[in-house]
Amino acid sequence: MPPEGDGAGDATRRVLHWMLIGTRGGPMRARILDLLRQEPQNAHRIAQRLEVQYRTVLHHLDVLVRNGLVIPVGEGYGREYFPSQWIAGHPQEFDGLLRQLGPGWRRAPRGEGGPPRP
């Protein structure tokens, strides 16, 4: 953890906790952030990999970008998304938040609107 008084780190930690733990969309945002930690991707690829609707991914990416947790690079359809420097630089803290979500955070929630499952 950063030393006491790291205001930017503390603020990011609080926002991330609220975005993942304190909101209904937290598990989906966790899935997106976890995927982006592996490699930057565009919204279409994220939707394919998570098996959810494209518009669902766009909504969550917009929330993550507005809160400084994801950085968009490029324009339009090919825009790639990267995790923030804080997320990339604090994997243990991020993993700790994922554990707080419980074991089901990796599954798509019911009614998420992804492709039908067999």
C-alpha atoms as a PDB file:
ATOM      1  CA  MET A   1       0.000   0.000   0.000  1.00  0.00           C
ATOM      2  CA  PRO A   2       1.175   3.565  -0.613  1.00  0.00           C
ATOM      3  CA  PRO A   3       2.385   5.588   2.363  1.00  0.00           C
ATOM      4  CA  GLU A   4      -0.087   7.560   4.439  1.00  0.00           C
ATOM      5  CA  GLY A   5      -1.182  10.746   2.775  1.00  0.00           C
ATOM      6  CA  ASP A   6      -1.160   9.429  -0.788  1.00  0.00           C
ATOM      7  CA  GLY A   7      -4.320  11.351  -1.612  1.00  0.00           C
ATOM      8  CA  ALA A   8      -4.526  10.309  -5.260  1.00  0.00           C
ATOM      9  CA  GLY A   9      -4.020   6.633  -4.407  1.00  0.00           C
ATOM     10  CA  ASP A  10      -6.544   6.796  -1.575  1.00  0.00           C
ATOM     11  CA  ALA A  11      -9.103   8.480  -3.817  1.00  0.00           C
ATOM     12  CA  THR A  12      -8.583   5.889  -6.574  1.00  0.00           C
ATOM     13  CA  ARG A  13      -8.910   3.086  -4.048  1.00  0.00           C
ATOM     14  CA  ARG A  14     -12.210   4.507  -2.766  1.00  0.00           C
ATOM     15  CA  VAL A  15     -13.617   5.016  -6.282  1.00  0.00           C
ATOM     16  CA  LEU A  16     -12.574   1.530  -7.349  1.00  0.00           C
ATOM     17  CA  HIS A  17     -14.117  -0.012  -4.218  1.00  0.00           C
ATOM     18  CA  TRP A  18     -17.364   1.840  -4.822  1.00  0.00           C
ATOM     19  CA  MET A  19     -17.409   0.989  -8.557  1.00  0.00           C
ATOM     20  CA  LEU A  20     -16.851  -2.746  -7.955  1.00  0.00           C
ATOM     21  CA  ILE A  21     -18.360  -3.443  -4.550  1.00  0.00           C
ATOM     22  CA  GLY A  22     -20.903  -0.685  -3.997  1.00  0.00           C
ATOM     23  CA  THR A  23     -22.861  -0.714  -7.252  1.00  0.00           C
ATOM     24  CA  ARG A  24     -25.095  -3.182  -9.034  1.00  0.00           C
ATOM     25  CA  GLY A  25     -22.842  -3.115 -12.114  1.00  0.00           C
ATOM     26  CA  GLY A  26     -19.739  -3.909 -10.074  1.00  0.00           C
ATOM     27  CA  PRO A  27     -19.300  -7.544 -11.136  1.00  0.00           C
ATOM     28  CA  MET A  28     -19.507  -6.624 -14.840  1.00  0.00           C
ATOM     29  CA  ARG A  29     -17.029  -3.789 -14.355  1.00  0.00           C
ATOM     30  CA  ALA A  30     -14.723  -6.185 -12.527  1.00  0.00           C
ATOM     31  CA  ARG A  31     -14.914  -8.608 -15.455  1.00  0.00           C
ATOM     32  CA  ILE A  32     -14.074  -5.820 -17.907  1.00  0.00           C
ATOM     33  CA  LEU A  33     -11.158  -4.515 -15.825  1.00  0.00           C
ATOM     34  CA  ASP A  34      -9.803  -8.013 -15.302  1.00  0.00           C
ATOM     35  CA  LEU A  35      -9.907  -8.610 -19.053  1.00  0.00           C
ATOM     36  CA  LEU A  36      -8.185  -5.293 -19.777  1.00  0.00           C
ATOM     37  CA  ARG A  37      -5.402  -6.136 -17.323  1.00  0.00           C
ATOM     38  CA  GLN A  38      -4.563  -9.070 -19.574  1.00  0.00           C
ATOM     39  CA  GLU A  39      -4.471  -6.942 -22.751  1.00  0.00           C
ATOM     40  CA  PRO A  40      -6.020  -3.723 -24.098  1.00  0.00           C
ATOM     41  CA  GLN A  41      -9.085  -4.340 -26.245  1.00  0.00           C
ATOM     42  CA  ASN A  42     -11.869  -2.554 -28.065  1.00  0.00           C
ATOM     43  CA  ALA A  43     -15.494  -2.704 -26.930  1.00  0.00           C
ATOM     44  CA  HIS A  44     -16.508  -5.210 -29.591  1.00  0.00           C
ATOM     45  CA  ARG A  45     -13.817  -7.686 -28.553  1.00  0.00           C
ATOM     46  CA  ILE A  46     -14.697  -7.244 -24.874  1.00  0.00           C
ATOM     47  CA  ALA A  47     -18.361  -7.985 -25.638  1.00  0.00           C
ATOM     48  CA  GLN A  48     -17.366 -11.123 -27.556  1.00  0.00           C
ATOM     49  CA  ARG A  49     -15.016 -12.383 -24.860  1.00  0.00           C
ATOM     50  CA  LEU A  50     -17.507 -11.734 -22.040  1.00  0.00           C
ATOM     51  CA  GLU A  51     -20.495 -12.937 -24.105  1.00  0.00           C
ATOM     52  CA  VAL A  52     -22.577  -9.834 -23.389  1.00  0.00           C
ATOM     53  CA  GLN A  53     -24.183  -7.191 -25.556  1.00  0.00           C
ATOM     54  CA  TYR A  54     -21.974  -4.528 -27.109  1.00  0.00           C
ATOM     55  CA  ARG A  55     -24.113  -1.721 -25.658  1.00  0.00           C
ATOM     56  CA  THR A  56     -23.714  -3.196 -22.166  1.00  0.00           C
ATOM     57  CA  VAL A  57     -19.939  -3.041 -22.559  1.00  0.00           C
ATOM     58  CA  LEU A  58     -20.096   0.536 -23.902  1.00  0.00           C
ATOM     59  CA  HIS A  59     -22.132   1.620 -20.878  1.00  0.00           C
ATOM     60  CA  HIS A  60     -19.698   0.108 -18.378  1.00  0.00           C
ATOM     61  CA  LEU A  61     -16.646   1.405 -20.257  1.00  0.00           C
ATOM     62  CA  ASP A  62     -18.151   4.908 -20.205  1.00  0.00           C
ATOM     63  CA  VAL A  63     -18.603   4.691 -16.422  1.00  0.00           C
ATOM     64  CA  LEU A  64     -15.058   3.371 -15.965  1.00  0.00           C
ATOM     65  CA  VAL A  65     -13.569   6.090 -18.199  1.00  0.00           C
ATOM     66  CA  ARG A  66     -15.504   8.876 -16.428  1.00  0.00           C
ATOM     67  CA  ASN A  67     -14.142   7.629 -13.106  1.00  0.00           C
ATOM     68  CA  GLY A  68     -10.539   7.403 -14.288  1.00  0.00           C
ATOM     69  CA  LEU A  69     -10.251   3.614 -14.068  1.00  0.00           C
ATOM     70  CA  VAL A  70      -9.920   2.975 -17.822  1.00  0.00           C
ATOM     71  CA  ILE A  71      -8.105   5.006 -20.459  1.00  0.00           C
ATOM     72  CA  PRO A  72      -9.454   5.101 -24.037  1.00  0.00           C
ATOM     73  CA  VAL A  73      -6.964   5.397 -26.895  1.00  0.00           C
ATOM     74  CA  GLY A  74      -8.070   6.155 -30.432  1.00  0.00           C
ATOM     75  CA  GLU A  75     -11.424   7.049 -31.914  1.00  0.00           C
ATOM     76  CA  GLY A  76     -14.595   5.354 -33.048  1.00  0.00           C
ATOM     77  CA  TYR A  77     -15.141   1.637 -33.382  1.00  0.00           C
ATOM     78  CA  GLY A  78     -11.450   0.732 -33.081  1.00  0.00           C
ATOM     79  CA  ARG A  79     -10.913   2.649 -29.829  1.00  0.00           C
ATOM     80  CA  GLU A  80      -8.846   0.512 -27.476  1.00  0.00           C
ATOM     81  CA  TYR A  81      -9.250   0.592 -23.712  1.00  0.00           C
ATOM     82  CA  PHE A  82      -6.426   0.264 -21.203  1.00  0.00           C
ATOM     83  CA  PRO A  83      -6.564  -0.111 -17.412  1.00  0.00           C
ATOM     84  CA  SER A  84      -5.490   2.978 -15.483  1.00  0.00           C
ATOM     85  CA  GLN A  85      -1.931   3.184 -14.220  1.00  0.00           C
ATOM     86  CA  TRP A  86      -3.172   2.653 -10.676  1.00  0.00           C
ATOM     87  CA  ILE A  87      -4.895  -0.639 -11.565  1.00  0.00           C
ATOM     88  CA  ALA A  88      -1.910  -1.831 -13.570  1.00  0.00           C
ATOM     89  CA  GLY A  89       0.455  -0.857 -10.760  1.00  0.00           C
ATOM     90  CA  HIS A  90      -1.508  -2.351  -7.841  1.00  0.00           C
ATOM     91  CA  PRO A  91      -2.439  -5.913  -8.870  1.00  0.00           C
ATOM     92  CA  GLN A  92      -2.595  -7.263  -5.304  1.00  0.00           C
ATOM     93  CA  GLU A  93      -5.016  -4.569  -4.170  1.00  0.00           C
ATOM     94  CA  PHE A  94      -7.165  -5.049  -7.264  1.00  0.00           C
ATOM     95  CA  ASP A  95      -7.197  -8.830  -6.716  1.00  0.00           C
ATOM     96  CA  GLY A  96      -8.231  -8.211  -3.098  1.00  0.00           C
ATOM     97  CA  LEU A  97     -11.274  -6.254  -4.296  1.00  0.00           C
ATOM     98  CA  LEU A  98     -12.145  -9.064  -6.698  1.00  0.00           C
ATOM     99  CA  ARG A  99     -12.065 -11.518  -3.786  1.00  0.00           C
ATOM    100  CA  GLN A 100     -14.521  -9.281  -1.917  1.00  0.00           C
ATOM    101  CA  LEU A 101     -16.971  -9.735  -4.784  1.00  0.00           C
ATOM    102  CA  GLY A 102     -17.109 -13.456  -4.022  1.00  0.00           C
ATOM    103  CA  PRO A 103     -16.747 -16.440  -6.325  1.00  0.00           C
ATOM    104  CA  GLY A 104     -19.545 -15.530  -8.761  1.00  0.00           C
ATOM    105  CA  TRP A 105     -18.146 -12.281 -10.173  1.00  0.00           C
ATOM    106  CA  ARG A 106     -16.706 -13.978 -13.277  1.00  0.00           C
ATOM    107  CA  ARG A 107     -20.108 -15.221 -14.464  1.00  0.00           C
ATOM    108  CA  ALA A 108     -22.409 -13.090 -16.581  1.00  0.00           C
ATOM    109  CA  PRO A 109     -25.392 -12.013 -14.487  1.00  0.00           C
ATOM    110  CA  ARG A 110     -28.806 -13.303 -15.472  1.00  0.00           C
ATOM    111  CA  GLY A 111     -30.569 -11.056 -17.911  1.00  0.00           C
ATOM    112  CA  GLU A 112     -27.296  -9.475 -19.062  1.00  0.00           C
ATOM    113  CA  GLY A 113     -28.427  -9.860 -22.640  1.00  0.00           C
ATOM    114  CA  GLY A 114     -25.573 -11.881 -24.021  1.00  0.00           C
ATOM    115  CA  PRO A 115     -25.928 -14.548 -26.661  1.00  0.00           C
ATOM    116  CA  PRO A 116     -28.123 -17.487 -25.704  1.00  0.00           C
ATOM    117  CA  ARG A 117     -26.287 -20.293 -23.989  1.00  0.00           C
ATOM    118  CA  PRO A 118     -26.754 -23.916 -25.056  1.00  0.00           C
END
